[in-house]
C-alpha cells in the first residue's frame, strides 16, 4: 500500500528556521488553495497569511506550482508512513494472510485520508498545476503494483491486474468521499463499509 519516495538530491537537511518558514508557507497555501482553488489562488495572499515575504516563497518553492506539489508530496509521504507502520505492526502480530494485510493497509490509508481531508478536498476538485494529472497517474500505477505484491497477485495475468486495479480504485474513490463527511463518526462508518467491500472483492475467484 505504501511507496518509498526517493531522495531527489544531496541537499543538506533544512535548518530549523527554514523548516518553520516552509511549514508556514505550506499551511497558508493549503488554506488559500482550499478556499479559492488552485487556479484562483494568489501568491500575495499566501505570503500575507503566512507572514513570509513573497521573495522567500519563491526561494523555497519557486511559486504556486512548487507549493502545490510540496503539499502533494507531504500528503503522500504521510499516507505511506501510516500504511507502512500499520503493515509492520500487523506482521509483528503474526498476520500473514495477504487479504488481511491488504485490508489493514487500506483502512490505515482511508483513516489517513480523513485526517488529511483538507488536502483531500483539494484533490477532488481536479484543480491542480499543469502536468499534475500525469504525475498522479504515475503514482496511481505504482500504487496498483504495490497492492498486487501485497495481495500476492500474479501481474502477468490480466484478470489479476484488473482485480487489483478495481480494488485500488475503490480505495481511491472512498478516500475522496471522506472529504465530504460531516464528522468522524460518519467517516469511520464509510471506512468500515469500504473495508467490508474490499474483503469481498479481494477473495480469489473459484
N, C-alpha and C. Protein backbone atom coordinates (compact mmCIF):
# COMPACT_ATOMS: atom_id res chain seq x y z
N UNK A 1 0.83 -1.19 0.00
CA UNK A 1 0.00 0.00 0.00
C UNK A 1 0.87 1.24 0.00
N UNK A 2 2.03 1.15 0.64
CA UNK A 2 2.85 2.34 0.74
C UNK A 2 3.97 2.28 -0.26
N UNK A 3 4.50 3.46 -0.61
CA UNK A 3 5.64 3.53 -1.50
C UNK A 3 6.74 4.30 -0.84
N UNK A 4 7.91 4.25 -1.42
CA UNK A 4 9.05 4.94 -0.87
C UNK A 4 9.40 6.10 -1.79
N UNK A 5 9.46 7.31 -1.25
CA UNK A 5 9.83 8.48 -2.01
C UNK A 5 11.34 8.62 -1.95
N UNK A 6 12.01 8.49 -3.10
CA UNK A 6 13.45 8.55 -3.12
C UNK A 6 13.93 10.00 -3.01
N UNK A 7 15.10 10.16 -2.43
CA UNK A 7 15.68 11.49 -2.33
C UNK A 7 16.01 12.00 -3.71
N UNK A 8 15.70 13.27 -3.97
CA UNK A 8 15.93 13.85 -5.29
C UNK A 8 17.33 14.46 -5.40
N UNK A 9 18.09 14.49 -4.36
CA UNK A 9 19.40 15.11 -4.44
C UNK A 9 20.17 14.94 -3.16
N UNK A 10 21.21 15.74 -3.02
CA UNK A 10 22.09 15.60 -1.87
C UNK A 10 22.07 16.86 -1.03
N UNK A 11 20.95 17.59 -1.05
CA UNK A 11 20.85 18.81 -0.27
C UNK A 11 20.95 18.50 1.22
N UNK A 12 21.54 19.45 1.95
CA UNK A 12 21.60 19.29 3.39
C UNK A 12 20.20 19.43 3.98
N UNK A 13 20.00 18.83 5.12
CA UNK A 13 18.71 18.95 5.79
C UNK A 13 18.46 20.43 6.11
N UNK A 14 17.22 20.90 5.90
CA UNK A 14 16.92 22.31 6.17
C UNK A 14 17.09 22.64 7.64
N UNK A 15 17.48 23.88 7.90
CA UNK A 15 17.63 24.33 9.28
C UNK A 15 16.27 24.43 9.93
N UNK A 16 16.28 24.57 11.26
CA UNK A 16 15.01 24.69 11.98
C UNK A 16 14.25 25.92 11.50
N UNK A 17 14.96 27.01 11.22
CA UNK A 17 14.30 28.21 10.74
C UNK A 17 13.66 27.99 9.38
N UNK A 18 14.39 27.33 8.50
CA UNK A 18 13.83 27.04 7.17
C UNK A 18 12.63 26.13 7.26
N UNK A 19 12.68 25.15 8.16
CA UNK A 19 11.54 24.25 8.33
C UNK A 19 10.32 25.03 8.81
N UNK A 20 10.54 25.99 9.69
CA UNK A 20 9.43 26.81 10.19
C UNK A 20 8.84 27.65 9.07
N UNK A 21 9.71 28.24 8.25
CA UNK A 21 9.24 29.06 7.12
C UNK A 21 8.46 28.20 6.14
N UNK A 22 8.98 27.05 5.81
CA UNK A 22 8.31 26.18 4.84
C UNK A 22 6.97 25.69 5.37
N UNK A 23 6.95 25.36 6.64
CA UNK A 23 5.69 24.90 7.24
C UNK A 23 4.64 26.00 7.20
N UNK A 24 5.05 27.23 7.51
CA UNK A 24 4.10 28.35 7.49
C UNK A 24 3.58 28.59 6.08
N UNK A 25 4.46 28.49 5.09
CA UNK A 25 4.05 28.69 3.70
C UNK A 25 3.09 27.60 3.24
N UNK A 26 3.38 26.36 3.61
CA UNK A 26 2.51 25.25 3.19
C UNK A 26 1.14 25.35 3.87
N UNK A 27 1.12 25.70 5.15
CA UNK A 27 -0.15 25.84 5.85
C UNK A 27 -1.01 26.92 5.19
N UNK A 28 -0.37 28.06 4.87
CA UNK A 28 -1.10 29.15 4.24
C UNK A 28 -1.55 28.77 2.84
N UNK A 29 -0.69 28.08 2.10
CA UNK A 29 -1.05 27.67 0.75
C UNK A 29 -2.24 26.72 0.77
N UNK A 30 -2.25 25.79 1.72
CA UNK A 30 -3.36 24.85 1.80
C UNK A 30 -4.67 25.59 2.09
N UNK A 31 -4.61 26.58 2.98
CA UNK A 31 -5.80 27.37 3.28
C UNK A 31 -6.32 28.07 2.03
N UNK A 32 -5.43 28.73 1.33
CA UNK A 32 -5.85 29.52 0.17
C UNK A 32 -6.29 28.61 -0.98
N UNK A 33 -5.55 27.54 -1.23
CA UNK A 33 -5.95 26.60 -2.29
C UNK A 33 -7.33 26.02 -2.00
N UNK A 34 -7.56 25.68 -0.73
CA UNK A 34 -8.84 25.07 -0.35
C UNK A 34 -9.99 26.07 -0.52
N UNK A 35 -9.74 27.31 -0.16
CA UNK A 35 -10.79 28.33 -0.24
C UNK A 35 -11.06 28.80 -1.66
N UNK A 36 -10.01 28.95 -2.47
CA UNK A 36 -10.16 29.59 -3.77
C UNK A 36 -9.90 28.68 -4.95
N UNK A 37 -9.36 27.48 -4.68
CA UNK A 37 -8.95 26.62 -5.77
C UNK A 37 -7.55 27.02 -6.22
N UNK A 38 -6.89 26.09 -6.88
CA UNK A 38 -5.50 26.35 -7.29
C UNK A 38 -5.42 27.51 -8.28
N UNK A 39 -6.29 27.48 -9.29
CA UNK A 39 -6.19 28.46 -10.36
C UNK A 39 -6.37 29.89 -9.85
N UNK A 40 -7.27 30.09 -8.89
CA UNK A 40 -7.58 31.44 -8.42
C UNK A 40 -6.77 31.86 -7.20
N UNK A 41 -5.94 30.96 -6.69
CA UNK A 41 -5.13 31.30 -5.52
C UNK A 41 -4.03 32.29 -5.91
N UNK A 42 -3.79 33.26 -5.05
CA UNK A 42 -2.77 34.26 -5.33
C UNK A 42 -1.57 34.13 -4.40
N UNK A 43 -0.38 34.29 -4.96
CA UNK A 43 0.82 34.18 -4.15
C UNK A 43 0.89 35.28 -3.09
N UNK A 44 0.39 36.46 -3.44
CA UNK A 44 0.43 37.56 -2.46
C UNK A 44 -0.39 37.22 -1.23
N UNK A 45 -1.56 36.59 -1.44
CA UNK A 45 -2.41 36.23 -0.31
C UNK A 45 -1.75 35.12 0.52
N UNK A 46 -1.15 34.16 -0.16
CA UNK A 46 -0.46 33.08 0.57
C UNK A 46 0.67 33.65 1.42
N UNK A 47 1.44 34.55 0.83
CA UNK A 47 2.54 35.16 1.57
C UNK A 47 2.02 35.96 2.76
N UNK A 48 0.94 36.72 2.54
CA UNK A 48 0.39 37.54 3.63
C UNK A 48 -0.11 36.68 4.77
N UNK A 49 -0.80 35.59 4.45
CA UNK A 49 -1.33 34.72 5.52
C UNK A 49 -0.21 34.03 6.29
N UNK A 50 0.85 33.71 5.59
CA UNK A 50 1.95 33.00 6.24
C UNK A 50 2.84 33.95 7.03
N UNK A 51 2.79 35.25 6.68
CA UNK A 51 3.69 36.20 7.30
C UNK A 51 5.09 36.13 6.74
N UNK A 52 5.24 35.46 5.58
CA UNK A 52 6.54 35.29 4.94
C UNK A 52 6.57 36.13 3.66
N UNK A 53 7.64 36.86 3.40
CA UNK A 53 7.71 37.65 2.17
C UNK A 53 7.59 36.79 0.91
N UNK A 54 7.03 37.38 -0.15
CA UNK A 54 6.87 36.66 -1.41
C UNK A 54 8.22 36.17 -1.93
N UNK A 55 9.25 36.97 -1.72
CA UNK A 55 10.58 36.56 -2.18
C UNK A 55 11.04 35.26 -1.55
N UNK A 56 10.74 35.09 -0.26
CA UNK A 56 11.11 33.84 0.42
C UNK A 56 10.28 32.68 -0.11
N UNK A 57 9.01 32.96 -0.45
CA UNK A 57 8.16 31.92 -1.03
C UNK A 57 8.80 31.39 -2.31
N UNK A 58 9.24 32.29 -3.18
CA UNK A 58 9.89 31.86 -4.42
C UNK A 58 11.21 31.14 -4.14
N UNK A 59 11.92 31.61 -3.13
CA UNK A 59 13.19 30.97 -2.80
C UNK A 59 13.00 29.52 -2.37
N UNK A 60 11.95 29.26 -1.60
CA UNK A 60 11.75 27.91 -1.07
C UNK A 60 10.98 27.01 -2.03
N UNK A 61 10.03 27.57 -2.77
CA UNK A 61 9.15 26.71 -3.57
C UNK A 61 9.05 27.09 -5.04
N UNK A 62 9.62 28.22 -5.41
CA UNK A 62 9.63 28.58 -6.82
C UNK A 62 8.31 29.10 -7.36
N UNK A 63 7.28 29.16 -6.53
CA UNK A 63 5.99 29.66 -6.98
C UNK A 63 4.85 28.76 -6.55
N UNK A 64 3.70 28.99 -7.16
CA UNK A 64 2.47 28.31 -6.76
C UNK A 64 2.54 26.80 -7.06
N UNK A 65 3.08 26.45 -8.23
CA UNK A 65 3.17 25.03 -8.58
C UNK A 65 4.02 24.26 -7.56
N UNK A 66 5.14 24.86 -7.17
CA UNK A 66 6.01 24.20 -6.20
C UNK A 66 5.33 23.99 -4.87
N UNK A 67 4.51 24.96 -4.45
CA UNK A 67 3.76 24.81 -3.21
C UNK A 67 2.78 23.66 -3.30
N UNK A 68 2.06 23.59 -4.41
CA UNK A 68 1.06 22.53 -4.56
C UNK A 68 1.73 21.15 -4.56
N UNK A 69 2.82 21.02 -5.31
CA UNK A 69 3.50 19.73 -5.38
C UNK A 69 4.11 19.35 -4.04
N UNK A 70 4.56 20.35 -3.28
CA UNK A 70 5.10 20.06 -1.95
C UNK A 70 4.00 19.55 -1.02
N UNK A 71 2.80 20.14 -1.13
CA UNK A 71 1.66 19.66 -0.34
C UNK A 71 1.31 18.23 -0.74
N UNK A 72 1.34 17.94 -2.02
CA UNK A 72 1.04 16.59 -2.52
C UNK A 72 2.06 15.60 -1.99
N UNK A 73 3.34 15.97 -2.03
CA UNK A 73 4.38 15.07 -1.54
C UNK A 73 4.23 14.84 -0.05
N UNK A 74 3.91 15.91 0.68
CA UNK A 74 3.72 15.78 2.13
C UNK A 74 2.55 14.84 2.43
N UNK A 75 1.46 14.97 1.67
CA UNK A 75 0.30 14.10 1.83
C UNK A 75 0.66 12.65 1.54
N UNK A 76 1.34 12.42 0.41
CA UNK A 76 1.73 11.05 0.03
C UNK A 76 2.64 10.43 1.08
N UNK A 77 3.63 11.19 1.51
CA UNK A 77 4.58 10.63 2.47
C UNK A 77 3.90 10.28 3.78
N UNK A 78 2.97 11.15 4.22
CA UNK A 78 2.25 10.85 5.46
C UNK A 78 1.42 9.58 5.31
N UNK A 79 0.77 9.42 4.17
CA UNK A 79 -0.03 8.23 3.92
C UNK A 79 0.85 6.98 3.85
N UNK A 80 1.98 7.11 3.20
CA UNK A 80 2.88 5.97 3.06
C UNK A 80 3.48 5.54 4.39
N UNK A 81 3.85 6.52 5.20
CA UNK A 81 4.37 6.18 6.54
C UNK A 81 3.30 5.49 7.37
N UNK A 82 2.07 5.99 7.26
CA UNK A 82 0.98 5.44 8.06
C UNK A 82 0.68 3.98 7.66
N UNK A 83 0.57 3.74 6.36
CA UNK A 83 0.26 2.38 5.93
C UNK A 83 1.43 1.43 6.18
N UNK A 84 2.64 1.91 5.98
CA UNK A 84 3.81 1.06 6.23
C UNK A 84 3.89 0.67 7.70
N UNK A 85 3.62 1.63 8.60
CA UNK A 85 3.65 1.34 10.04
C UNK A 85 2.57 0.32 10.40
N UNK A 86 1.41 0.46 9.79
CA UNK A 86 0.31 -0.48 10.06
C UNK A 86 0.68 -1.89 9.61
N UNK A 87 1.24 -2.00 8.41
CA UNK A 87 1.61 -3.32 7.90
C UNK A 87 2.71 -3.94 8.75
N UNK A 88 3.66 -3.14 9.19
CA UNK A 88 4.72 -3.65 10.06
C UNK A 88 4.13 -4.16 11.38
N UNK A 89 3.19 -3.41 11.93
CA UNK A 89 2.56 -3.82 13.19
C UNK A 89 1.76 -5.10 13.01
N UNK A 90 1.02 -5.19 11.90
CA UNK A 90 0.21 -6.39 11.65
C UNK A 90 1.10 -7.61 11.48
N UNK A 91 2.17 -7.46 10.74
CA UNK A 91 3.09 -8.59 10.56
C UNK A 91 3.75 -8.96 11.88
N UNK A 92 4.02 -7.93 12.70
CA UNK A 92 4.60 -8.19 14.01
C UNK A 92 3.68 -8.98 14.92
N UNK A 93 2.35 -8.85 14.67
CA UNK A 93 1.37 -9.62 15.45
C UNK A 93 1.16 -11.02 14.87
N UNK A 94 1.89 -11.31 13.78
CA UNK A 94 1.80 -12.64 13.20
C UNK A 94 0.83 -12.76 12.05
N UNK A 95 0.28 -11.64 11.58
CA UNK A 95 -0.66 -11.69 10.46
C UNK A 95 0.12 -11.93 9.18
N UNK A 96 -0.26 -12.96 8.45
CA UNK A 96 0.43 -13.28 7.19
C UNK A 96 -0.54 -13.37 6.01
N UNK A 97 -1.83 -13.44 6.29
CA UNK A 97 -2.81 -13.55 5.22
C UNK A 97 -2.78 -12.30 4.33
N UNK A 98 -2.56 -12.45 3.03
CA UNK A 98 -2.44 -11.28 2.15
C UNK A 98 -3.67 -10.38 2.17
N UNK A 99 -4.85 -10.96 2.21
CA UNK A 99 -6.06 -10.14 2.20
C UNK A 99 -6.18 -9.35 3.50
N UNK A 100 -5.90 -9.99 4.62
CA UNK A 100 -5.96 -9.29 5.91
C UNK A 100 -4.97 -8.12 5.94
N UNK A 101 -3.78 -8.34 5.41
CA UNK A 101 -2.78 -7.27 5.37
C UNK A 101 -3.23 -6.15 4.44
N UNK A 102 -3.76 -6.52 3.29
CA UNK A 102 -4.24 -5.52 2.33
C UNK A 102 -5.34 -4.66 2.93
N UNK A 103 -6.30 -5.27 3.58
CA UNK A 103 -7.41 -4.53 4.15
C UNK A 103 -6.93 -3.65 5.31
N UNK A 104 -5.98 -4.15 6.11
CA UNK A 104 -5.43 -3.34 7.19
C UNK A 104 -4.73 -2.10 6.63
N UNK A 105 -3.98 -2.29 5.55
CA UNK A 105 -3.32 -1.16 4.91
C UNK A 105 -4.32 -0.18 4.32
N UNK A 106 -5.39 -0.72 3.71
CA UNK A 106 -6.43 0.14 3.15
C UNK A 106 -7.12 0.96 4.24
N UNK A 107 -7.39 0.32 5.36
CA UNK A 107 -8.02 1.04 6.47
C UNK A 107 -7.12 2.18 6.96
N UNK A 108 -5.84 1.90 7.09
CA UNK A 108 -4.91 2.95 7.52
C UNK A 108 -4.88 4.09 6.51
N UNK A 109 -4.90 3.76 5.24
CA UNK A 109 -4.88 4.79 4.21
C UNK A 109 -6.14 5.65 4.28
N UNK A 110 -7.29 5.00 4.42
CA UNK A 110 -8.55 5.74 4.47
C UNK A 110 -8.65 6.61 5.72
N UNK A 111 -8.21 6.09 6.85
CA UNK A 111 -8.21 6.90 8.08
C UNK A 111 -7.27 8.08 7.93
N UNK A 112 -6.16 7.89 7.23
CA UNK A 112 -5.26 8.99 6.95
C UNK A 112 -5.88 10.01 6.03
N UNK A 113 -6.67 9.53 5.07
CA UNK A 113 -7.36 10.46 4.16
C UNK A 113 -8.35 11.33 4.93
N UNK A 114 -8.99 10.76 5.94
CA UNK A 114 -9.90 11.56 6.78
C UNK A 114 -9.10 12.58 7.59
N UNK A 115 -8.00 12.14 8.18
CA UNK A 115 -7.18 13.06 8.98
C UNK A 115 -6.63 14.20 8.13
N UNK A 116 -6.35 13.93 6.86
CA UNK A 116 -5.79 14.94 5.95
C UNK A 116 -6.82 15.40 4.93
N UNK A 117 -8.07 15.51 5.37
CA UNK A 117 -9.17 15.77 4.45
C UNK A 117 -9.12 17.14 3.79
N UNK A 118 -8.42 18.09 4.39
CA UNK A 118 -8.35 19.41 3.74
C UNK A 118 -7.66 19.29 2.39
N UNK A 119 -6.55 18.59 2.35
CA UNK A 119 -5.88 18.41 1.05
C UNK A 119 -6.68 17.45 0.19
N UNK A 120 -7.32 16.47 0.81
CA UNK A 120 -8.16 15.54 0.04
C UNK A 120 -9.26 16.26 -0.71
N UNK A 121 -9.86 17.26 -0.07
CA UNK A 121 -10.91 18.04 -0.74
C UNK A 121 -10.34 18.76 -1.96
N UNK A 122 -9.13 19.24 -1.83
CA UNK A 122 -8.49 19.93 -2.94
C UNK A 122 -8.26 18.97 -4.12
N UNK A 123 -7.87 17.75 -3.82
CA UNK A 123 -7.64 16.77 -4.88
C UNK A 123 -8.92 16.43 -5.63
N UNK A 124 -10.04 16.42 -4.92
CA UNK A 124 -11.32 16.10 -5.54
C UNK A 124 -11.66 17.08 -6.64
N UNK A 125 -11.24 18.32 -6.48
CA UNK A 125 -11.60 19.37 -7.44
C UNK A 125 -10.85 19.23 -8.76
N UNK A 126 -9.81 18.41 -8.81
CA UNK A 126 -9.02 18.26 -10.03
C UNK A 126 -8.54 19.62 -10.56
N UNK A 127 -8.19 20.49 -9.64
CA UNK A 127 -7.76 21.84 -9.98
C UNK A 127 -6.33 22.01 -9.52
N UNK A 128 -5.41 21.43 -10.28
CA UNK A 128 -4.02 21.48 -9.90
C UNK A 128 -3.17 22.09 -10.99
N UNK A 129 -1.87 22.12 -10.79
CA UNK A 129 -0.98 22.72 -11.78
C UNK A 129 -0.85 21.86 -13.04
N UNK A 130 -0.38 22.48 -14.10
CA UNK A 130 -0.15 21.77 -15.36
C UNK A 130 0.80 20.60 -15.13
N UNK A 131 0.43 19.45 -15.65
CA UNK A 131 1.28 18.27 -15.52
C UNK A 131 1.00 17.43 -14.29
N UNK A 132 0.16 17.94 -13.38
CA UNK A 132 -0.08 17.19 -12.15
C UNK A 132 -0.84 15.91 -12.41
N UNK A 133 -1.79 15.92 -13.34
CA UNK A 133 -2.57 14.71 -13.64
C UNK A 133 -1.65 13.56 -14.05
N UNK A 134 -0.65 13.86 -14.87
CA UNK A 134 0.28 12.82 -15.30
C UNK A 134 1.08 12.29 -14.13
N UNK A 135 1.50 13.19 -13.25
CA UNK A 135 2.25 12.79 -12.06
C UNK A 135 1.40 11.91 -11.16
N UNK A 136 0.15 12.26 -11.02
CA UNK A 136 -0.76 11.49 -10.17
C UNK A 136 -1.03 10.12 -10.77
N UNK A 137 -1.19 10.06 -12.09
CA UNK A 137 -1.42 8.75 -12.73
C UNK A 137 -0.21 7.85 -12.56
N UNK A 138 0.97 8.43 -12.63
CA UNK A 138 2.19 7.65 -12.43
C UNK A 138 2.21 7.05 -11.03
N UNK A 139 1.84 7.86 -10.03
CA UNK A 139 1.81 7.36 -8.67
C UNK A 139 0.72 6.29 -8.51
N UNK A 140 -0.43 6.51 -9.15
CA UNK A 140 -1.51 5.53 -9.07
C UNK A 140 -1.08 4.18 -9.63
N UNK A 141 -0.33 4.20 -10.73
CA UNK A 141 0.15 2.93 -11.31
C UNK A 141 1.09 2.23 -10.34
N UNK A 142 1.95 3.01 -9.69
CA UNK A 142 2.86 2.41 -8.71
C UNK A 142 2.07 1.86 -7.53
N UNK A 143 0.99 2.52 -7.15
CA UNK A 143 0.13 2.06 -6.05
C UNK A 143 -0.50 0.72 -6.40
N UNK A 144 -0.96 0.58 -7.63
CA UNK A 144 -1.54 -0.68 -8.08
C UNK A 144 -0.50 -1.80 -7.99
N UNK A 145 0.72 -1.51 -8.42
CA UNK A 145 1.77 -2.54 -8.38
C UNK A 145 2.08 -2.95 -6.94
N UNK A 146 2.11 -1.98 -6.02
CA UNK A 146 2.37 -2.31 -4.61
C UNK A 146 1.24 -3.17 -4.05
N UNK A 147 0.01 -2.84 -4.41
CA UNK A 147 -1.12 -3.64 -3.92
C UNK A 147 -1.09 -5.05 -4.48
N UNK A 148 -0.66 -5.18 -5.73
CA UNK A 148 -0.55 -6.51 -6.34
C UNK A 148 0.45 -7.36 -5.58
N UNK A 149 1.58 -6.75 -5.21
CA UNK A 149 2.58 -7.51 -4.43
C UNK A 149 2.04 -7.87 -3.07
N UNK A 150 1.33 -6.94 -2.44
CA UNK A 150 0.78 -7.20 -1.11
C UNK A 150 -0.23 -8.34 -1.15
N UNK A 151 -1.04 -8.36 -2.20
CA UNK A 151 -2.07 -9.40 -2.35
C UNK A 151 -1.53 -10.67 -2.98
N UNK A 152 -0.24 -10.64 -3.34
CA UNK A 152 0.41 -11.80 -3.97
C UNK A 152 -0.33 -12.22 -5.24
N UNK A 153 -0.68 -11.21 -6.04
CA UNK A 153 -1.38 -11.43 -7.30
C UNK A 153 -0.36 -11.48 -8.43
N UNK A 154 -0.54 -12.41 -9.33
CA UNK A 154 0.33 -12.54 -10.50
C UNK A 154 -0.03 -11.44 -11.49
N UNK A 155 0.85 -10.45 -11.62
CA UNK A 155 0.56 -9.32 -12.50
C UNK A 155 0.65 -9.70 -13.97
N UNK A 156 1.17 -10.88 -14.26
CA UNK A 156 1.23 -11.31 -15.66
C UNK A 156 -0.14 -11.76 -16.16
N UNK A 157 -1.03 -12.06 -15.23
CA UNK A 157 -2.38 -12.46 -15.62
C UNK A 157 -3.28 -11.23 -15.66
N UNK A 158 -3.93 -11.04 -16.81
CA UNK A 158 -4.77 -9.86 -16.97
C UNK A 158 -5.86 -9.78 -15.91
N UNK A 159 -6.47 -10.93 -15.60
CA UNK A 159 -7.55 -10.93 -14.61
C UNK A 159 -7.04 -10.44 -13.25
N UNK A 160 -5.83 -10.86 -12.88
CA UNK A 160 -5.26 -10.42 -11.62
C UNK A 160 -5.01 -8.93 -11.61
N UNK A 161 -4.46 -8.42 -12.71
CA UNK A 161 -4.19 -6.98 -12.80
C UNK A 161 -5.48 -6.17 -12.69
N UNK A 162 -6.51 -6.64 -13.38
CA UNK A 162 -7.78 -5.92 -13.35
C UNK A 162 -8.36 -5.92 -11.94
N UNK A 163 -8.30 -7.06 -11.27
CA UNK A 163 -8.84 -7.15 -9.91
C UNK A 163 -8.15 -6.16 -8.97
N UNK A 164 -6.82 -6.10 -9.05
CA UNK A 164 -6.08 -5.18 -8.18
C UNK A 164 -6.39 -3.74 -8.55
N UNK A 165 -6.52 -3.45 -9.83
CA UNK A 165 -6.85 -2.08 -10.25
C UNK A 165 -8.21 -1.66 -9.73
N UNK A 166 -9.18 -2.58 -9.78
CA UNK A 166 -10.51 -2.27 -9.26
C UNK A 166 -10.45 -2.00 -7.76
N UNK A 167 -9.73 -2.83 -7.03
CA UNK A 167 -9.61 -2.66 -5.58
C UNK A 167 -8.96 -1.31 -5.24
N UNK A 168 -7.91 -0.97 -5.97
CA UNK A 168 -7.22 0.30 -5.73
C UNK A 168 -8.13 1.48 -6.05
N UNK A 169 -8.92 1.35 -7.11
CA UNK A 169 -9.85 2.42 -7.48
C UNK A 169 -10.91 2.61 -6.41
N UNK A 170 -11.37 1.51 -5.81
CA UNK A 170 -12.35 1.60 -4.72
C UNK A 170 -11.78 2.40 -3.56
N UNK A 171 -10.53 2.12 -3.21
CA UNK A 171 -9.90 2.84 -2.09
C UNK A 171 -9.76 4.32 -2.43
N UNK A 172 -9.27 4.61 -3.64
CA UNK A 172 -9.09 6.00 -4.03
C UNK A 172 -10.39 6.77 -4.06
N UNK A 173 -11.45 6.14 -4.58
CA UNK A 173 -12.75 6.81 -4.62
C UNK A 173 -13.30 7.06 -3.24
N UNK A 174 -13.15 6.08 -2.35
CA UNK A 174 -13.63 6.25 -0.98
C UNK A 174 -12.86 7.35 -0.26
N UNK A 175 -11.55 7.43 -0.51
CA UNK A 175 -10.75 8.47 0.12
C UNK A 175 -11.24 9.86 -0.27
N UNK A 176 -11.65 10.00 -1.52
CA UNK A 176 -12.18 11.30 -1.96
C UNK A 176 -13.51 11.62 -1.29
N UNK A 177 -14.35 10.60 -1.12
CA UNK A 177 -15.65 10.81 -0.49
C UNK A 177 -15.51 11.24 0.97
N UNK A 178 -14.45 10.79 1.63
CA UNK A 178 -14.29 11.10 3.04
C UNK A 178 -14.18 12.60 3.30
N UNK A 179 -13.70 13.34 2.31
CA UNK A 179 -13.57 14.77 2.48
C UNK A 179 -14.89 15.49 2.69
N UNK A 180 -15.99 14.85 2.27
CA UNK A 180 -17.31 15.47 2.40
C UNK A 180 -18.07 15.01 3.64
N UNK A 181 -17.46 14.15 4.45
CA UNK A 181 -18.14 13.66 5.64
C UNK A 181 -18.35 14.78 6.66
N UNK A 182 -19.47 14.71 7.34
CA UNK A 182 -19.79 15.75 8.31
C UNK A 182 -19.02 15.63 9.61
N UNK A 183 -18.68 14.40 10.00
CA UNK A 183 -17.96 14.21 11.25
C UNK A 183 -17.21 12.88 11.22
N UNK A 184 -16.45 12.63 12.29
CA UNK A 184 -15.62 11.43 12.33
C UNK A 184 -16.46 10.15 12.35
N UNK A 185 -17.60 10.20 13.03
CA UNK A 185 -18.46 9.01 13.10
C UNK A 185 -18.88 8.57 11.70
N UNK A 186 -19.33 9.52 10.91
CA UNK A 186 -19.74 9.20 9.53
C UNK A 186 -18.55 8.70 8.72
N UNK A 187 -17.39 9.33 8.91
CA UNK A 187 -16.21 8.92 8.17
C UNK A 187 -15.81 7.49 8.50
N UNK A 188 -15.82 7.14 9.78
CA UNK A 188 -15.43 5.78 10.17
C UNK A 188 -16.45 4.75 9.72
N UNK A 189 -17.71 5.13 9.64
CA UNK A 189 -18.72 4.21 9.09
C UNK A 189 -18.40 3.89 7.64
N UNK A 190 -17.99 4.91 6.89
CA UNK A 190 -17.62 4.69 5.49
C UNK A 190 -16.39 3.80 5.40
N UNK A 191 -15.40 4.05 6.26
CA UNK A 191 -14.19 3.22 6.26
C UNK A 191 -14.55 1.76 6.52
N UNK A 192 -15.40 1.51 7.51
CA UNK A 192 -15.81 0.14 7.81
C UNK A 192 -16.53 -0.48 6.61
N UNK A 193 -17.42 0.29 6.00
CA UNK A 193 -18.18 -0.21 4.85
C UNK A 193 -17.24 -0.57 3.70
N UNK A 194 -16.31 0.31 3.41
CA UNK A 194 -15.38 0.07 2.31
C UNK A 194 -14.49 -1.13 2.59
N UNK A 195 -14.02 -1.27 3.82
CA UNK A 195 -13.18 -2.43 4.15
C UNK A 195 -13.96 -3.73 3.97
N UNK A 196 -15.25 -3.71 4.30
CA UNK A 196 -16.08 -4.90 4.07
C UNK A 196 -16.17 -5.22 2.59
N UNK A 197 -16.33 -4.20 1.77
CA UNK A 197 -16.37 -4.39 0.31
C UNK A 197 -15.05 -4.95 -0.19
N UNK A 198 -13.95 -4.43 0.33
CA UNK A 198 -12.63 -4.89 -0.11
C UNK A 198 -12.41 -6.35 0.24
N UNK A 199 -12.86 -6.76 1.42
CA UNK A 199 -12.72 -8.17 1.81
C UNK A 199 -13.46 -9.05 0.81
N UNK A 200 -14.67 -8.62 0.45
CA UNK A 200 -15.48 -9.40 -0.50
C UNK A 200 -14.82 -9.45 -1.88
N UNK A 201 -14.33 -8.31 -2.35
CA UNK A 201 -13.76 -8.24 -3.69
C UNK A 201 -12.37 -8.86 -3.78
N UNK A 202 -11.68 -8.93 -2.64
CA UNK A 202 -10.31 -9.45 -2.65
C UNK A 202 -10.25 -10.96 -2.76
N UNK A 203 -11.31 -11.63 -2.41
CA UNK A 203 -11.31 -13.08 -2.41
C UNK A 203 -10.98 -13.60 -3.82
N UNK A 204 -10.02 -14.49 -3.94
CA UNK A 204 -9.68 -15.02 -5.27
C UNK A 204 -10.84 -15.79 -5.86
N UNK A 205 -10.99 -15.76 -7.19
CA UNK A 205 -12.10 -16.47 -7.82
C UNK A 205 -12.01 -17.97 -7.63
N UNK A 206 -13.20 -18.55 -7.55
CA UNK A 206 -13.33 -20.00 -7.50
C UNK A 206 -12.66 -20.65 -6.35
